[in-house]
Structures are given as structure tokens and as C-alpha cells.
Amino acid sequence: MDIKKWIVNFLVFSFFTLLLIGCRSDLKQLTRVDVQEVKSDGSYSQAVMITDKDTVNMLNKIFEKIEWEQYVEAKMSRKEDVKAILFFEIDENMLEKLVEYLIWFNQENGTATIISSDETENFGILDKDHAKELKKVLFNSIKEHGIGS
């Protein structure tokens, strides 16, 4: 194949790749996380708003590691440890998409169990290392605001 054909093929491929990526509606940008700790009486603490870009990006990377099971109906024996609401910007001309996550940190094996309000996610498990990191980030944010235990 001569160089001209190769360049044309490359440009056509690049154009369609960019077009495909540009038309995807599921690309979303995490902009904010609101987190509430569950108190011993079962009520929620005051919500803490996390907007720091580095922290939000870190949380986004952690949430991407959750292994989701879409068709599982979960019943938990106790109230969650934390409720987090993630705010996603899908299009700057539209309202943000909010997804609520109920999070249980499992003392026995160090993992986290997560129930999502997003029907494409539903029920998920986060491995020990990422669960530890998630717990640290969320509870540090709560403590920095003087809220929680």
C-alpha cells in the first residue's frame, strides 16, 4: 500500500472514531460528590459536598473499579455506612444526572458493597484495596467538615 492510501485510510478511520466517541451519550463527567455518614441512630449526618477536582477525580477512578451485577436484588441486614450522591455532567446544556450510592464497608473481608440507583449498575462489590481508599477519602472529607463520628 502506498503512503497516500495509508494516509487516507488513517484519516477516514480517525474521523469515524472521533465521530463515534462524540456521539456516545454515556460519556459523563463527574463534577461533585455529596456524602452523608449514617449515624448510630440510623439517621444521616449533614451532607458534605466534595468539589475539589483531585478528590472528585480520585473518587471517579475508584467508582470505575466497582464490579457491577445488574440483575441482582440485594437485601442488606443493616443500614449502610455511607450514602453518596454523584453528580455527572453529560452535556453542559442539560441538568446534571444524579446517581445515589448506598455503601457498606465490610469489616470481615475489607471489601465494600454498593447499591446504586442507576439501573445499569444496581449492585456492586469493590475490592479490598479500593474499598479502603474509598472509605478513607469519604470519611476524611466528612471529618474535614467537622461532621460525623
N, C-alpha and C. Protein backbone atom coordinates (compact mmCIF):
# COMPACT_ATOMS: atom_id res chain seq x y z
N MET A 1 0.86 -1.17 0.00
CA MET A 1 0.00 0.00 0.00
C MET A 1 0.91 1.23 0.00
N ASP A 2 0.60 2.14 -0.89
CA ASP A 2 1.44 3.33 -0.93
C ASP A 2 1.04 4.30 0.19
N ILE A 3 1.85 5.26 0.40
CA ILE A 3 1.70 6.19 1.52
C ILE A 3 0.42 7.02 1.43
N LYS A 4 0.00 7.39 0.22
CA LYS A 4 -1.22 8.20 0.07
C LYS A 4 -2.45 7.40 0.52
N LYS A 5 -2.54 6.15 0.12
CA LYS A 5 -3.68 5.31 0.53
C LYS A 5 -3.67 5.11 2.04
N TRP A 6 -2.48 4.91 2.58
CA TRP A 6 -2.36 4.71 4.02
C TRP A 6 -2.84 5.95 4.78
N ILE A 7 -2.44 7.12 4.33
CA ILE A 7 -2.85 8.38 4.97
C ILE A 7 -4.35 8.56 4.86
N VAL A 8 -4.92 8.31 3.69
CA VAL A 8 -6.37 8.44 3.50
C VAL A 8 -7.10 7.47 4.43
N ASN A 9 -6.67 6.22 4.47
CA ASN A 9 -7.31 5.23 5.36
C ASN A 9 -7.21 5.65 6.82
N PHE A 10 -6.06 6.15 7.20
CA PHE A 10 -5.86 6.59 8.57
C PHE A 10 -6.78 7.76 8.91
N LEU A 11 -6.89 8.72 8.01
CA LEU A 11 -7.76 9.88 8.25
C LEU A 11 -9.22 9.48 8.32
N VAL A 12 -9.66 8.58 7.45
CA VAL A 12 -11.05 8.10 7.47
C VAL A 12 -11.31 7.37 8.78
N PHE A 13 -10.40 6.49 9.17
CA PHE A 13 -10.55 5.76 10.43
C PHE A 13 -10.61 6.73 11.61
N SER A 14 -9.72 7.71 11.64
CA SER A 14 -9.69 8.69 12.72
C SER A 14 -10.98 9.50 12.78
N PHE A 15 -11.48 9.89 11.62
CA PHE A 15 -12.72 10.66 11.56
C PHE A 15 -13.88 9.87 12.16
N PHE A 16 -14.03 8.62 11.74
CA PHE A 16 -15.14 7.80 12.24
C PHE A 16 -14.98 7.45 13.72
N THR A 17 -13.76 7.29 14.16
CA THR A 17 -13.52 7.05 15.58
C THR A 17 -13.94 8.26 16.40
N LEU A 18 -13.54 9.44 15.98
CA LEU A 18 -13.94 10.66 16.68
C LEU A 18 -15.44 10.88 16.63
N LEU A 19 -16.04 10.57 15.50
CA LEU A 19 -17.49 10.70 15.36
C LEU A 19 -18.21 9.76 16.32
N LEU A 20 -17.74 8.53 16.39
CA LEU A 20 -18.35 7.54 17.28
C LEU A 20 -18.22 7.97 18.73
N ILE A 21 -17.05 8.41 19.13
CA ILE A 21 -16.84 8.86 20.50
C ILE A 21 -17.67 10.10 20.79
N GLY A 22 -17.74 11.01 19.86
CA GLY A 22 -18.50 12.25 20.05
C GLY A 22 -19.99 12.02 20.18
N CYS A 23 -20.50 10.95 19.61
CA CYS A 23 -21.93 10.67 19.64
C CYS A 23 -22.35 9.79 20.80
N ARG A 24 -21.41 9.31 21.58
CA ARG A 24 -21.77 8.45 22.70
C ARG A 24 -22.47 9.28 23.76
N SER A 25 -23.63 8.81 24.20
CA SER A 25 -24.39 9.55 25.20
C SER A 25 -24.01 9.15 26.62
N ASP A 26 -23.24 8.05 26.77
CA ASP A 26 -22.92 7.62 28.11
C ASP A 26 -21.63 8.22 28.65
N LEU A 27 -20.98 9.06 27.86
CA LEU A 27 -19.80 9.74 28.36
C LEU A 27 -20.27 10.81 29.34
N LYS A 28 -19.77 10.74 30.56
CA LYS A 28 -20.23 11.68 31.56
C LYS A 28 -19.07 12.10 32.44
N GLN A 29 -19.15 13.31 32.90
CA GLN A 29 -18.09 13.91 33.70
C GLN A 29 -18.58 14.05 35.14
N LEU A 30 -17.88 13.42 36.08
CA LEU A 30 -18.21 13.57 37.49
C LEU A 30 -17.76 14.96 37.93
N THR A 31 -18.70 15.73 38.48
CA THR A 31 -18.39 17.10 38.87
C THR A 31 -18.42 17.33 40.38
N ARG A 32 -19.15 16.46 41.09
CA ARG A 32 -19.34 16.70 42.53
C ARG A 32 -19.81 15.42 43.18
N VAL A 33 -19.48 15.27 44.47
CA VAL A 33 -19.96 14.14 45.26
C VAL A 33 -20.47 14.70 46.58
N ASP A 34 -21.70 14.37 46.92
CA ASP A 34 -22.25 14.70 48.24
C ASP A 34 -22.24 13.41 49.06
N VAL A 35 -21.74 13.48 50.28
CA VAL A 35 -21.63 12.28 51.10
C VAL A 35 -22.23 12.53 52.48
N GLN A 36 -22.91 11.50 53.00
CA GLN A 36 -23.51 11.56 54.33
C GLN A 36 -23.19 10.27 55.06
N GLU A 37 -22.73 10.40 56.29
CA GLU A 37 -22.48 9.24 57.13
C GLU A 37 -23.79 8.85 57.82
N VAL A 38 -23.99 7.56 58.02
CA VAL A 38 -25.15 7.10 58.76
C VAL A 38 -24.77 7.08 60.24
N LYS A 39 -25.57 7.78 61.05
CA LYS A 39 -25.32 7.85 62.49
C LYS A 39 -25.78 6.56 63.17
N SER A 40 -25.40 6.39 64.43
CA SER A 40 -25.76 5.18 65.17
C SER A 40 -27.27 5.01 65.32
N ASP A 41 -28.02 6.12 65.29
CA ASP A 41 -29.48 6.02 65.39
C ASP A 41 -30.15 5.78 64.04
N GLY A 42 -29.35 5.63 62.98
CA GLY A 42 -29.90 5.34 61.65
C GLY A 42 -30.17 6.57 60.81
N SER A 43 -30.03 7.76 61.40
CA SER A 43 -30.25 8.98 60.62
C SER A 43 -28.96 9.35 59.89
N TYR A 44 -29.08 10.29 58.97
CA TYR A 44 -27.92 10.72 58.20
C TYR A 44 -27.32 11.99 58.79
N SER A 45 -26.00 12.09 58.71
CA SER A 45 -25.33 13.33 59.10
C SER A 45 -25.62 14.38 58.03
N GLN A 46 -25.23 15.59 58.32
CA GLN A 46 -25.35 16.66 57.34
C GLN A 46 -24.51 16.30 56.11
N ALA A 47 -24.99 16.63 54.94
CA ALA A 47 -24.27 16.30 53.70
C ALA A 47 -23.01 17.14 53.58
N VAL A 48 -21.94 16.49 53.14
CA VAL A 48 -20.68 17.16 52.84
C VAL A 48 -20.52 17.15 51.33
N MET A 49 -20.24 18.31 50.77
CA MET A 49 -20.10 18.46 49.32
C MET A 49 -18.61 18.39 48.97
N ILE A 50 -18.25 17.43 48.11
CA ILE A 50 -16.87 17.30 47.66
C ILE A 50 -16.80 17.84 46.23
N THR A 51 -16.04 18.92 46.05
CA THR A 51 -15.93 19.54 44.72
C THR A 51 -14.47 19.69 44.27
N ASP A 52 -13.53 19.42 45.16
CA ASP A 52 -12.11 19.51 44.80
C ASP A 52 -11.84 18.56 43.63
N LYS A 53 -11.28 19.10 42.54
CA LYS A 53 -11.11 18.31 41.31
C LYS A 53 -10.27 17.06 41.53
N ASP A 54 -9.20 17.16 42.29
CA ASP A 54 -8.35 15.99 42.52
C ASP A 54 -9.10 14.90 43.28
N THR A 55 -9.85 15.31 44.31
CA THR A 55 -10.61 14.34 45.10
C THR A 55 -11.73 13.73 44.26
N VAL A 56 -12.43 14.56 43.49
CA VAL A 56 -13.51 14.07 42.62
C VAL A 56 -12.95 13.09 41.59
N ASN A 57 -11.81 13.41 40.99
CA ASN A 57 -11.19 12.51 40.02
C ASN A 57 -10.78 11.19 40.67
N MET A 58 -10.25 11.26 41.89
CA MET A 58 -9.87 10.05 42.61
C MET A 58 -11.10 9.18 42.88
N LEU A 59 -12.18 9.82 43.33
CA LEU A 59 -13.41 9.07 43.58
C LEU A 59 -13.95 8.45 42.29
N ASN A 60 -13.89 9.19 41.21
CA ASN A 60 -14.35 8.68 39.92
C ASN A 60 -13.58 7.42 39.53
N LYS A 61 -12.27 7.44 39.71
CA LYS A 61 -11.44 6.28 39.38
C LYS A 61 -11.78 5.09 40.28
N ILE A 62 -12.05 5.36 41.55
CA ILE A 62 -12.43 4.28 42.46
C ILE A 62 -13.77 3.68 42.04
N PHE A 63 -14.76 4.53 41.75
CA PHE A 63 -16.08 4.04 41.36
C PHE A 63 -16.03 3.24 40.06
N GLU A 64 -15.07 3.55 39.19
CA GLU A 64 -14.92 2.79 37.95
C GLU A 64 -14.43 1.37 38.21
N LYS A 65 -13.89 1.10 39.39
CA LYS A 65 -13.36 -0.23 39.74
C LYS A 65 -14.44 -1.15 40.31
N ILE A 66 -15.62 -0.64 40.56
CA ILE A 66 -16.69 -1.46 41.12
C ILE A 66 -17.12 -2.50 40.09
N GLU A 67 -17.26 -3.73 40.55
CA GLU A 67 -17.75 -4.81 39.70
C GLU A 67 -19.26 -4.90 39.90
N TRP A 68 -20.02 -4.51 38.86
CA TRP A 68 -21.47 -4.41 38.95
C TRP A 68 -22.15 -5.69 38.50
N GLU A 69 -23.24 -6.00 39.18
CA GLU A 69 -24.13 -7.09 38.80
C GLU A 69 -25.51 -6.45 38.62
N GLN A 70 -25.93 -6.37 37.39
CA GLN A 70 -27.11 -5.59 37.06
C GLN A 70 -28.43 -6.21 37.53
N TYR A 71 -28.54 -7.52 37.50
CA TYR A 71 -29.84 -8.15 37.76
C TYR A 71 -29.90 -8.83 39.11
N VAL A 72 -29.29 -8.24 40.11
CA VAL A 72 -29.30 -8.78 41.46
C VAL A 72 -30.17 -7.87 42.32
N GLU A 73 -31.07 -8.47 43.07
CA GLU A 73 -31.86 -7.69 44.02
C GLU A 73 -31.26 -7.93 45.40
N ALA A 74 -30.67 -6.90 45.96
CA ALA A 74 -29.94 -7.04 47.22
C ALA A 74 -30.79 -6.61 48.40
N LYS A 75 -30.68 -7.36 49.47
CA LYS A 75 -31.28 -7.01 50.76
C LYS A 75 -30.15 -7.05 51.78
N MET A 76 -29.93 -5.95 52.43
CA MET A 76 -28.84 -5.89 53.40
C MET A 76 -29.41 -6.01 54.81
N SER A 77 -28.63 -6.60 55.71
CA SER A 77 -29.11 -6.85 57.07
C SER A 77 -28.96 -5.64 57.98
N ARG A 78 -28.22 -4.65 57.54
CA ARG A 78 -28.06 -3.43 58.35
C ARG A 78 -28.08 -2.22 57.42
N LYS A 79 -28.25 -1.07 58.04
CA LYS A 79 -28.25 0.17 57.27
C LYS A 79 -26.83 0.44 56.76
N GLU A 80 -26.75 1.09 55.62
CA GLU A 80 -25.45 1.40 55.02
C GLU A 80 -24.60 2.27 55.94
N ASP A 81 -23.31 2.31 55.67
CA ASP A 81 -22.38 3.16 56.43
C ASP A 81 -22.38 4.59 55.90
N VAL A 82 -22.52 4.70 54.58
CA VAL A 82 -22.42 6.00 53.92
C VAL A 82 -23.39 6.04 52.74
N LYS A 83 -23.95 7.23 52.53
CA LYS A 83 -24.71 7.48 51.30
C LYS A 83 -23.95 8.54 50.52
N ALA A 84 -23.72 8.25 49.24
CA ALA A 84 -23.02 9.21 48.38
C ALA A 84 -23.87 9.48 47.16
N ILE A 85 -23.98 10.74 46.80
CA ILE A 85 -24.69 11.12 45.58
C ILE A 85 -23.66 11.71 44.64
N LEU A 86 -23.53 11.09 43.47
CA LEU A 86 -22.58 11.55 42.46
C LEU A 86 -23.31 12.38 41.43
N PHE A 87 -22.75 13.52 41.09
CA PHE A 87 -23.32 14.45 40.13
C PHE A 87 -22.51 14.36 38.84
N PHE A 88 -23.16 13.94 37.76
CA PHE A 88 -22.50 13.79 36.47
C PHE A 88 -23.02 14.83 35.49
N GLU A 89 -22.10 15.50 34.81
CA GLU A 89 -22.48 16.40 33.72
C GLU A 89 -22.35 15.61 32.43
N ILE A 90 -23.46 15.43 31.75
CA ILE A 90 -23.46 14.69 30.49
C ILE A 90 -23.34 15.66 29.33
N ASP A 91 -24.03 16.77 29.44
CA ASP A 91 -24.00 17.81 28.42
C ASP A 91 -24.12 19.13 29.15
N GLU A 92 -23.31 20.10 28.79
CA GLU A 92 -23.33 21.37 29.51
C GLU A 92 -24.65 22.11 29.37
N ASN A 93 -25.49 21.72 28.41
CA ASN A 93 -26.79 22.37 28.22
C ASN A 93 -27.91 21.63 28.94
N MET A 94 -27.58 20.58 29.66
CA MET A 94 -28.60 19.79 30.35
C MET A 94 -28.34 19.81 31.85
N LEU A 95 -29.36 19.41 32.61
CA LEU A 95 -29.20 19.26 34.05
C LEU A 95 -28.25 18.11 34.33
N GLU A 96 -27.64 18.14 35.50
CA GLU A 96 -26.75 17.05 35.90
C GLU A 96 -27.55 15.78 36.16
N LYS A 97 -26.91 14.64 35.94
CA LYS A 97 -27.50 13.35 36.29
C LYS A 97 -27.01 13.00 37.69
N LEU A 98 -27.94 12.67 38.58
CA LEU A 98 -27.59 12.31 39.95
C LEU A 98 -27.74 10.80 40.11
N VAL A 99 -26.74 10.17 40.71
CA VAL A 99 -26.80 8.75 41.00
C VAL A 99 -26.50 8.57 42.48
N GLU A 100 -27.42 7.89 43.18
CA GLU A 100 -27.25 7.66 44.62
C GLU A 100 -26.62 6.30 44.85
N TYR A 101 -25.63 6.27 45.74
CA TYR A 101 -24.95 5.04 46.10
C TYR A 101 -25.06 4.83 47.60
N LEU A 102 -25.55 3.67 48.00
CA LEU A 102 -25.55 3.26 49.40
C LEU A 102 -24.35 2.33 49.56
N ILE A 103 -23.49 2.62 50.54
CA ILE A 103 -22.21 1.91 50.64
C ILE A 103 -22.06 1.28 52.02
N TRP A 104 -21.75 -0.02 52.01
CA TRP A 104 -21.46 -0.77 53.22
C TRP A 104 -19.99 -1.17 53.18
N PHE A 105 -19.23 -0.87 54.23
CA PHE A 105 -17.85 -1.31 54.33
C PHE A 105 -17.83 -2.58 55.17
N ASN A 106 -17.40 -3.67 54.58
CA ASN A 106 -17.45 -4.99 55.21
C ASN A 106 -16.22 -5.21 56.08
N GLN A 107 -16.45 -5.33 57.39
CA GLN A 107 -15.36 -5.49 58.35
C GLN A 107 -14.63 -6.82 58.18
N GLU A 108 -15.36 -7.87 57.81
CA GLU A 108 -14.78 -9.21 57.74
C GLU A 108 -13.71 -9.34 56.67
N ASN A 109 -14.00 -8.86 55.47
CA ASN A 109 -13.05 -9.07 54.36
C ASN A 109 -12.50 -7.77 53.77
N GLY A 110 -12.91 -6.63 54.30
CA GLY A 110 -12.36 -5.35 53.86
C GLY A 110 -12.91 -4.81 52.56
N THR A 111 -13.85 -5.52 51.94
CA THR A 111 -14.44 -5.04 50.69
C THR A 111 -15.56 -4.05 50.98
N ALA A 112 -16.16 -3.53 49.94
CA ALA A 112 -17.33 -2.66 50.09
C ALA A 112 -18.44 -3.20 49.19
N THR A 113 -19.66 -3.13 49.70
CA THR A 113 -20.84 -3.49 48.94
C THR A 113 -21.58 -2.20 48.62
N ILE A 114 -21.99 -2.06 47.38
CA ILE A 114 -22.60 -0.82 46.93
C ILE A 114 -23.90 -1.11 46.20
N ILE A 115 -24.94 -0.37 46.54
CA ILE A 115 -26.20 -0.43 45.79
C ILE A 115 -26.38 0.93 45.13
N SER A 116 -26.63 0.89 43.82
CA SER A 116 -26.73 2.11 43.02
C SER A 116 -28.17 2.35 42.59
N SER A 117 -28.53 3.62 42.47
CA SER A 117 -29.86 3.96 41.94
C SER A 117 -29.88 3.89 40.42
N ASP A 118 -28.72 3.72 39.80
CA ASP A 118 -28.63 3.61 38.34
C ASP A 118 -28.95 2.17 37.94
N GLU A 119 -30.00 1.99 37.15
CA GLU A 119 -30.44 0.64 36.79
C GLU A 119 -29.40 -0.15 35.98
N THR A 120 -28.44 0.53 35.37
CA THR A 120 -27.41 -0.19 34.63
C THR A 120 -26.32 -0.73 35.56
N GLU A 121 -26.33 -0.31 36.81
CA GLU A 121 -25.33 -0.77 37.77
C GLU A 121 -25.97 -1.69 38.81
N ASN A 122 -26.92 -1.20 39.57
CA ASN A 122 -27.69 -1.93 40.55
C ASN A 122 -26.90 -2.34 41.79
N PHE A 123 -26.14 -3.44 41.74
CA PHE A 123 -25.46 -3.99 42.90
C PHE A 123 -23.99 -4.22 42.56
N GLY A 124 -23.09 -3.77 43.45
CA GLY A 124 -21.67 -3.92 43.12
C GLY A 124 -20.80 -4.23 44.32
N ILE A 125 -19.63 -4.74 44.01
CA ILE A 125 -18.62 -5.06 45.01
C ILE A 125 -17.33 -4.32 44.63
N LEU A 126 -16.70 -3.76 45.64
CA LEU A 126 -15.42 -3.08 45.45
C LEU A 126 -14.36 -3.87 46.22
N ASP A 127 -13.25 -4.18 45.57
CA ASP A 127 -12.21 -5.00 46.19
C ASP A 127 -11.61 -4.29 47.41
N LYS A 128 -10.85 -5.05 48.17
CA LYS A 128 -10.31 -4.60 49.45
C LYS A 128 -9.49 -3.31 49.34
N ASP A 129 -8.57 -3.25 48.39
CA ASP A 129 -7.70 -2.07 48.27
C ASP A 129 -8.48 -0.81 47.91
N HIS A 130 -9.38 -0.93 46.93
CA HIS A 130 -10.17 0.24 46.51
C HIS A 130 -11.21 0.61 47.57
N ALA A 131 -11.74 -0.38 48.29
CA ALA A 131 -12.69 -0.10 49.37
C ALA A 131 -12.01 0.70 50.48
N LYS A 132 -10.79 0.31 50.80
CA LYS A 132 -10.03 1.03 51.83
C LYS A 132 -9.79 2.47 51.41
N GLU A 133 -9.43 2.66 50.15
CA GLU A 133 -9.19 4.00 49.63
C GLU A 133 -10.48 4.83 49.62
N LEU A 134 -11.58 4.22 49.20
CA LEU A 134 -12.88 4.91 49.18
C LEU A 134 -13.28 5.34 50.58
N LYS A 135 -13.17 4.42 51.52
CA LYS A 135 -13.54 4.72 52.91
C LYS A 135 -12.70 5.88 53.45
N LYS A 136 -11.41 5.85 53.18
CA LYS A 136 -10.51 6.90 53.65
C LYS A 136 -10.91 8.26 53.08
N VAL A 137 -11.13 8.32 51.78
CA VAL A 137 -11.47 9.59 51.13
C VAL A 137 -12.81 10.13 51.65
N LEU A 138 -13.83 9.27 51.71
CA LEU A 138 -15.15 9.73 52.14
C LEU A 138 -15.15 10.18 53.60
N PHE A 139 -14.58 9.36 54.50
CA PHE A 139 -14.60 9.73 55.91
C PHE A 139 -13.67 10.89 56.23
N ASN A 140 -12.56 11.02 55.50
CA ASN A 140 -11.71 12.20 55.69
C ASN A 140 -12.44 13.47 55.28
N SER A 141 -13.21 13.40 54.20
CA SER A 141 -13.99 14.57 53.76
C SER A 141 -15.03 14.94 54.80
N ILE A 142 -15.66 13.94 55.39
CA ILE A 142 -16.67 14.19 56.43
C ILE A 142 -15.99 14.84 57.64
N LYS A 143 -14.87 14.28 58.07
CA LYS A 143 -14.17 14.80 59.26
C LYS A 143 -13.62 16.21 59.02
N GLU A 144 -13.15 16.49 57.81
CA GLU A 144 -12.63 17.83 57.49
C GLU A 144 -13.68 18.90 57.67
N HIS A 145 -14.94 18.53 57.52
CA HIS A 145 -16.03 19.48 57.68
C HIS A 145 -16.61 19.45 59.10
N GLY A 146 -15.96 18.71 59.99
CA GLY A 146 -16.40 18.66 61.39
C GLY A 146 -17.71 17.94 61.58
N ILE A 147 -18.00 17.00 60.69
CA ILE A 147 -19.26 16.26 60.75
C ILE A 147 -18.93 14.79 60.97
N GLY A 148 -19.83 14.09 61.58
CA GLY A 148 -19.66 12.64 61.71
C GLY A 148 -19.00 12.26 63.01
N SER A 149 -18.75 10.94 63.13
CA SER A 149 -18.21 10.43 64.39
C SER A 149 -16.70 10.48 64.43
